[in-house]
Amino acid sequence: MPTTNRESATAGRNRISDSIATMSDTFSSRDVERIARLARLELTAEEKDLFARQLAGILAYAEQIQRVATEGVEPTSHAGDAVALRDDTLRPSLPRDASLAAAPDADAFAGLFKVPRVLG
């Protein structure tokens, strides 16, 4: 039997609720170090303490949100009544050659823009 959007949404909320309920409301320095390592961040001891408190606050807020009664509320893809500000019409864009010609250090032959390195 296929599931409805409402059933899917409810199941999704239950999975999120269950995972949040099992999370600790405190973060140890070791937890923060693991997250920092995954994000490739180097943190001072003061930053680890600060982030541990902040992450615990975020989880506490998530738990508070999970307690809001949402039974009977239709799932939505966005908040409020969104009204299109204009028609979505196809319009011509700037030609690639013109944009590459205006870009500093572009590789026009390959059709690529060169940008500064961001990661390591």
Protein backbone atom coordinates (compact mmCIF):
# COMPACT_ATOMS: atom_id res chain seq x y z
CA MET A 1 0.00 0.00 0.00
CA PRO A 2 1.57 3.34 -1.01
CA THR A 3 2.15 5.97 1.66
CA THR A 4 0.67 9.45 1.51
CA ASN A 5 2.63 12.67 1.89
CA ARG A 6 1.16 13.07 5.36
CA GLU A 7 2.29 9.58 6.39
CA SER A 8 5.78 10.24 5.00
CA ALA A 9 6.04 13.55 6.81
CA THR A 10 4.87 12.01 10.08
CA ALA A 11 7.35 9.16 9.73
CA GLY A 12 10.12 11.66 9.00
CA ARG A 13 9.22 13.74 12.07
CA ASN A 14 9.20 10.59 14.21
CA ARG A 15 12.68 9.59 12.97
CA ILE A 16 14.00 13.09 13.71
CA SER A 17 12.28 13.15 17.08
CA ASP A 18 13.71 9.74 17.98
CA SER A 19 17.24 10.75 16.99
CA ILE A 20 17.07 14.02 18.90
CA ALA A 21 15.65 12.32 21.96
CA THR A 22 18.69 10.04 22.10
CA MET A 23 21.19 12.88 21.85
CA SER A 24 22.92 14.15 24.93
CA ASP A 25 22.07 17.64 26.13
CA THR A 26 25.74 18.29 26.84
CA PHE A 27 28.77 18.12 24.63
CA SER A 28 32.15 17.15 25.95
CA SER A 29 35.37 18.66 24.73
CA ARG A 30 36.00 15.31 23.04
CA ASP A 31 32.70 15.58 21.10
CA VAL A 32 33.64 19.06 19.91
CA GLU A 33 37.14 17.87 18.96
CA ARG A 34 35.61 15.09 16.82
CA ILE A 35 33.29 17.53 15.04
CA ALA A 36 36.17 19.97 14.54
CA ARG A 37 38.34 17.21 13.09
CA LEU A 38 35.57 16.28 10.63
CA ALA A 39 35.30 19.95 9.62
CA ARG A 40 39.11 20.26 9.54
CA LEU A 41 39.10 23.03 12.13
CA GLU A 42 41.75 23.77 14.72
CA LEU A 43 40.18 25.06 17.93
CA THR A 44 41.63 26.53 21.09
CA ALA A 45 40.54 25.18 24.49
CA GLU A 46 38.35 28.28 24.96
CA GLU A 47 36.68 27.73 21.59
CA LYS A 48 36.02 24.07 22.42
CA ASP A 49 34.29 25.08 25.66
CA LEU A 50 32.29 27.80 23.90
CA PHE A 51 31.20 25.51 21.07
CA ALA A 52 30.27 22.73 23.50
CA ARG A 53 27.88 25.14 25.27
CA GLN A 54 26.52 26.46 21.97
CA LEU A 55 25.93 22.97 20.55
CA ALA A 56 24.13 21.94 23.74
CA GLY A 57 21.94 25.04 23.37
CA ILE A 58 21.11 24.13 19.76
CA LEU A 59 20.11 20.62 20.80
CA ALA A 60 17.99 21.95 23.64
CA TYR A 61 16.20 24.22 21.16
CA ALA A 62 15.68 21.31 18.74
CA GLU A 63 14.16 19.27 21.57
CA GLN A 64 11.86 22.19 22.40
CA ILE A 65 10.74 22.40 18.76
CA GLN A 66 10.04 18.65 18.73
CA ARG A 67 7.56 19.10 21.60
CA VAL A 68 5.36 21.44 19.53
CA ALA A 69 2.06 19.70 18.73
CA THR A 70 1.80 19.38 14.95
CA GLU A 71 -0.92 16.78 14.64
CA GLY A 72 -3.40 17.82 11.98
CA VAL A 73 -1.04 20.38 10.45
CA GLU A 74 -0.51 19.87 6.73
CA PRO A 75 3.15 19.56 5.72
CA THR A 76 4.38 22.50 3.66
CA SER A 77 7.41 23.12 1.50
CA HIS A 78 7.73 26.71 2.73
CA ALA A 79 6.43 29.01 5.42
CA GLY A 80 3.53 31.32 4.68
CA ASP A 81 1.60 31.89 1.49
CA ALA A 82 4.24 32.41 -1.15
CA VAL A 83 3.12 34.37 -4.16
CA ALA A 84 5.32 34.57 -7.24
CA LEU A 85 6.60 38.10 -7.66
CA ARG A 86 6.90 37.65 -11.42
CA ASP A 87 6.31 35.02 -14.07
CA ASP A 88 9.11 32.53 -14.51
CA THR A 89 9.95 33.22 -18.13
CA LEU A 90 12.95 32.16 -20.16
CA ARG A 91 15.24 35.10 -20.96
CA PRO A 92 18.57 35.23 -22.73
CA SER A 93 21.63 35.39 -20.53
CA LEU A 94 25.08 36.87 -21.00
CA PRO A 95 27.00 34.89 -23.63
CA ARG A 96 29.75 32.71 -22.16
CA ASP A 97 32.47 34.31 -24.31
CA ALA A 98 31.52 37.80 -23.07
CA SER A 99 31.53 36.74 -19.42
CA LEU A 100 34.86 34.90 -19.79
CA ALA A 101 36.38 37.93 -21.53
CA ALA A 102 35.39 40.13 -18.57
CA ALA A 103 36.66 37.70 -15.92
CA PRO A 104 40.17 38.05 -14.50
CA ASP A 105 42.43 35.06 -15.17
CA ALA A 106 39.76 32.99 -16.98
CA ASP A 107 40.64 30.10 -19.26
CA ALA A 108 38.61 31.05 -22.33
CA PHE A 109 39.86 28.05 -24.34
CA ALA A 110 38.53 25.60 -21.72
CA GLY A 111 35.50 27.80 -20.98
CA LEU A 112 36.34 27.98 -17.26
CA PHE A 113 36.57 30.70 -14.64
CA LYS A 114 39.58 30.51 -12.32
CA VAL A 115 38.87 31.32 -8.70
CA PRO A 116 41.13 31.52 -5.63
CA ARG A 117 41.67 28.27 -3.77
CA VAL A 118 39.36 28.05 -0.78
CA LEU A 119 40.31 24.74 0.87
CA GLY A 120 43.74 23.41 1.81
